N, C-alpha and C. Protein backbone atom coordinates (compact mmCIF):
# COMPACT_ATOMS: atom_id res chain seq x y z
N MET A 1 135.44 111.71 60.73
CA MET A 1 136.02 110.57 61.32
C MET A 1 137.22 110.98 62.06
N LEU A 2 137.48 110.43 63.31
CA LEU A 2 138.58 110.64 64.03
C LEU A 2 139.60 109.36 63.75
N TYR A 3 140.88 109.57 64.02
CA TYR A 3 141.86 108.57 63.79
C TYR A 3 142.77 108.39 64.98
N ALA A 4 143.10 107.23 65.37
CA ALA A 4 144.11 107.03 66.46
C ALA A 4 145.45 106.73 65.70
N ILE A 5 146.48 107.45 66.08
CA ILE A 5 147.78 107.29 65.38
C ILE A 5 148.74 106.84 66.50
N ILE A 6 149.22 105.69 66.42
CA ILE A 6 150.07 105.13 67.45
C ILE A 6 151.43 104.80 66.81
N ALA A 7 152.44 105.32 67.44
CA ALA A 7 153.82 105.09 66.90
C ALA A 7 154.58 104.42 68.00
N THR A 8 155.51 103.46 67.58
CA THR A 8 156.41 102.74 68.45
C THR A 8 157.76 103.30 68.20
N ASP A 9 158.46 103.71 69.18
CA ASP A 9 159.84 104.18 69.10
C ASP A 9 160.87 103.10 68.80
N VAL A 10 161.99 103.54 68.23
CA VAL A 10 163.05 102.59 68.03
C VAL A 10 163.77 102.44 69.39
N ALA A 11 164.57 101.56 69.54
CA ALA A 11 165.24 101.29 70.79
C ALA A 11 166.21 102.49 71.05
N ASN A 12 166.27 102.94 72.37
CA ASN A 12 167.12 104.01 72.76
C ASN A 12 166.88 105.31 72.06
N SER A 13 165.51 105.69 71.96
CA SER A 13 165.14 106.87 71.11
C SER A 13 165.11 108.19 71.99
N LEU A 14 165.31 108.17 73.30
CA LEU A 14 165.16 109.31 74.08
C LEU A 14 166.08 110.48 73.55
N GLU A 15 167.23 110.39 73.29
CA GLU A 15 168.18 111.43 72.86
C GLU A 15 167.63 111.96 71.52
N LYS A 16 167.14 111.16 70.54
CA LYS A 16 166.65 111.67 69.35
C LYS A 16 165.28 112.46 69.55
N ARG A 17 164.50 111.80 70.36
CA ARG A 17 163.14 112.42 70.71
C ARG A 17 163.37 113.72 71.32
N LEU A 18 164.16 113.89 72.36
CA LEU A 18 164.39 115.16 72.95
C LEU A 18 164.88 116.26 72.07
N SER A 19 165.79 115.86 71.14
CA SER A 19 166.41 116.83 70.20
C SER A 19 165.40 117.46 69.13
N VAL A 20 164.46 116.62 68.98
CA VAL A 20 163.33 117.07 67.87
C VAL A 20 162.00 117.49 68.56
N ARG A 21 161.88 117.39 69.89
CA ARG A 21 160.66 117.73 70.50
C ARG A 21 160.16 119.01 70.28
N PRO A 22 160.92 120.11 70.35
CA PRO A 22 160.33 121.47 69.97
C PRO A 22 159.61 121.57 68.59
N ALA A 23 160.21 120.97 67.56
CA ALA A 23 159.55 120.95 66.34
C ALA A 23 158.28 120.10 66.27
N HIS A 24 158.32 119.00 67.04
CA HIS A 24 157.14 118.09 67.23
C HIS A 24 155.99 118.86 67.79
N VAL A 25 156.30 119.50 69.05
CA VAL A 25 155.20 120.14 69.68
C VAL A 25 154.81 121.35 68.78
N GLU A 26 155.54 122.07 68.11
CA GLU A 26 155.06 123.18 67.24
C GLU A 26 154.05 122.68 66.15
N ARG A 27 154.47 121.53 65.60
CA ARG A 27 153.62 120.86 64.53
C ARG A 27 152.21 120.49 65.29
N LEU A 28 152.24 119.86 66.52
CA LEU A 28 150.97 119.49 67.19
C LEU A 28 150.16 120.90 67.35
N LYS A 29 150.71 121.93 67.81
CA LYS A 29 150.09 123.25 67.98
C LYS A 29 149.50 123.84 66.79
N GLN A 30 150.08 123.59 65.60
CA GLN A 30 149.51 124.07 64.31
C GLN A 30 148.36 123.14 63.94
N LEU A 31 148.40 121.85 64.18
CA LEU A 31 147.33 120.94 63.90
C LEU A 31 146.19 121.31 64.83
N GLN A 32 146.41 121.63 66.03
CA GLN A 32 145.34 121.93 67.00
C GLN A 32 144.66 123.16 66.53
N ALA A 33 145.41 124.24 66.06
CA ALA A 33 144.82 125.49 65.58
C ALA A 33 143.96 125.31 64.39
N GLN A 34 144.30 124.23 63.70
CA GLN A 34 143.47 123.88 62.36
C GLN A 34 142.27 122.98 62.72
N GLY A 35 142.04 122.70 63.96
CA GLY A 35 141.02 121.88 64.47
C GLY A 35 141.26 120.29 64.13
N ARG A 36 142.42 119.87 63.88
CA ARG A 36 142.82 118.63 63.42
C ARG A 36 143.21 117.52 64.47
N ILE A 37 143.18 118.11 65.73
CA ILE A 37 143.66 117.24 66.89
C ILE A 37 142.65 117.27 68.02
N VAL A 38 142.26 116.30 68.55
CA VAL A 38 141.31 116.13 69.66
C VAL A 38 142.24 116.10 71.02
N LEU A 39 143.28 115.17 70.91
CA LEU A 39 144.23 115.20 72.03
C LEU A 39 145.44 114.54 71.45
N ALA A 40 146.61 114.78 72.21
CA ALA A 40 147.87 114.20 71.78
C ALA A 40 148.75 114.07 73.03
N GLY A 41 149.66 113.03 72.93
CA GLY A 41 150.57 112.90 74.06
C GLY A 41 151.34 111.63 73.89
N PRO A 42 152.47 111.51 74.58
CA PRO A 42 153.35 110.35 74.37
C PRO A 42 152.92 109.17 75.28
N HIS A 43 153.57 107.99 75.12
CA HIS A 43 153.38 106.88 75.95
C HIS A 43 154.67 106.68 76.86
N PRO A 44 154.63 107.06 78.06
CA PRO A 44 155.79 106.82 78.89
C PRO A 44 156.20 105.36 78.97
N ALA A 45 157.47 104.94 79.03
CA ALA A 45 157.97 103.62 78.97
C ALA A 45 157.75 103.13 80.34
N VAL A 46 157.45 103.86 81.39
CA VAL A 46 157.16 103.40 82.78
C VAL A 46 155.95 104.10 83.30
N ASP A 47 155.31 103.75 84.37
CA ASP A 47 154.09 104.32 84.82
C ASP A 47 154.41 105.60 85.71
N SER A 48 154.79 106.70 84.80
CA SER A 48 155.22 107.88 85.45
C SER A 48 155.01 109.07 84.43
N ASN A 49 154.48 110.18 85.00
CA ASN A 49 154.43 111.38 84.06
C ASN A 49 155.85 111.90 83.53
N ASP A 50 156.74 111.69 84.37
CA ASP A 50 158.19 111.95 84.02
C ASP A 50 159.03 110.67 84.15
N PRO A 51 159.08 110.01 83.02
CA PRO A 51 159.75 108.59 83.07
C PRO A 51 161.31 108.83 83.03
N GLY A 52 161.86 109.97 83.07
CA GLY A 52 163.35 110.20 83.22
C GLY A 52 164.07 109.45 82.10
N ASP A 53 165.16 108.74 82.46
CA ASP A 53 165.97 108.07 81.46
C ASP A 53 165.13 106.84 80.76
N ALA A 54 164.09 106.39 81.41
CA ALA A 54 163.33 105.21 80.72
C ALA A 54 162.73 105.75 79.39
N GLY A 55 162.43 107.09 79.42
CA GLY A 55 161.99 107.61 78.09
C GLY A 55 160.45 107.22 77.77
N PHE A 56 160.24 107.18 76.52
CA PHE A 56 158.84 106.96 76.01
C PHE A 56 158.89 105.85 75.07
N THR A 57 157.75 105.16 74.66
CA THR A 57 157.68 104.00 73.82
C THR A 57 156.97 104.45 72.51
N GLY A 58 156.41 105.59 72.49
CA GLY A 58 155.78 106.06 71.18
C GLY A 58 154.82 107.16 71.33
N SER A 59 154.30 107.70 70.33
CA SER A 59 153.30 108.69 70.23
C SER A 59 152.82 108.71 68.78
N TRP A 60 152.88 109.75 68.02
CA TRP A 60 152.22 109.59 66.70
C TRP A 60 152.97 110.26 65.60
N ALA A 61 152.67 110.49 63.11
CA ALA A 61 152.32 110.39 61.84
C ALA A 61 153.27 110.75 60.82
N LYS A 62 152.99 110.59 59.72
CA LYS A 62 154.01 110.61 58.62
C LYS A 62 154.85 111.86 58.54
N ALA A 63 154.21 113.09 58.64
CA ALA A 63 154.94 114.40 58.51
C ALA A 63 155.39 114.79 59.80
N ASP A 64 155.40 113.97 60.87
CA ASP A 64 155.88 114.39 62.16
C ASP A 64 157.34 114.45 62.19
N PRO A 65 157.97 115.46 62.79
CA PRO A 65 159.45 115.63 62.85
C PRO A 65 160.09 114.29 63.48
N TYR A 66 159.36 113.59 64.38
CA TYR A 66 159.99 112.43 64.91
C TYR A 66 160.17 111.33 63.90
N VAL A 67 159.40 111.38 62.83
CA VAL A 67 159.57 110.42 61.72
C VAL A 67 160.85 110.73 61.04
N ALA A 68 160.96 111.96 60.71
CA ALA A 68 162.21 112.42 59.92
C ALA A 68 163.52 112.17 60.82
N ALA A 69 163.39 112.27 62.10
CA ALA A 69 164.57 112.11 62.94
C ALA A 69 164.84 110.61 63.24
N GLY A 70 164.03 109.71 62.82
CA GLY A 70 164.11 108.34 63.05
C GLY A 70 163.88 107.80 64.51
N VAL A 71 163.01 108.54 65.07
CA VAL A 71 162.54 108.18 66.39
C VAL A 71 161.55 106.92 66.39
N TYR A 72 160.84 106.83 65.41
CA TYR A 72 159.74 105.71 65.25
C TYR A 72 160.25 104.56 64.53
N ALA A 73 159.87 103.38 65.04
CA ALA A 73 160.16 102.16 64.31
C ALA A 73 158.93 101.74 63.56
N ASP A 74 157.63 102.13 63.97
CA ASP A 74 156.53 101.71 63.40
C ASP A 74 155.41 102.69 63.69
N VAL A 75 154.53 102.98 62.78
CA VAL A 75 153.35 103.84 62.95
C VAL A 75 152.07 103.11 62.41
N VAL A 76 151.04 103.13 63.28
CA VAL A 76 149.82 102.50 62.84
C VAL A 76 148.72 103.58 63.04
N ILE A 77 147.91 103.66 61.98
CA ILE A 77 146.79 104.59 61.87
C ILE A 77 145.52 103.85 61.80
N LYS A 78 144.56 104.06 62.63
CA LYS A 78 143.29 103.30 62.68
C LYS A 78 142.18 104.33 62.83
N PRO A 79 140.98 104.08 62.17
CA PRO A 79 139.78 104.88 62.44
C PRO A 79 139.45 104.77 63.99
N PHE A 80 138.87 105.76 64.53
CA PHE A 80 138.58 105.79 65.94
C PHE A 80 137.20 106.40 66.14
N LYS A 81 136.28 105.71 66.80
CA LYS A 81 134.98 106.32 67.13
C LYS A 81 135.13 106.69 68.66
N GLN A 82 134.95 108.02 68.75
CA GLN A 82 134.98 108.45 70.18
C GLN A 82 133.60 108.25 70.87
N VAL A 83 133.57 107.65 72.09
CA VAL A 83 132.24 107.30 72.81
C VAL A 83 132.19 108.25 73.94
N LEU A 84 133.30 108.47 74.67
CA LEU A 84 133.34 109.31 75.94
C LEU A 84 134.50 110.28 75.85
N PRO A 85 134.49 111.37 76.28
CA PRO A 85 133.34 112.15 76.80
C PRO A 85 132.47 112.55 75.69
């Protein structure tokens, strides 16, 4: 079973997010190497691949460095059935 992990950032999280991003990305790479991730990525706060100072509104899980740094206000985990591709 796959799971969708959706996290919502606290207000003004960009500075915290950027300071912990290297550890976050390293953890994602480890999970990918273990075959535990299908895809991963953030939710830009505006319709742009590079939202600049607008930052991001969330991404994803409990052991994530973003959780320890206080980036997330809320995390929701739901079963996910992949249909496409």
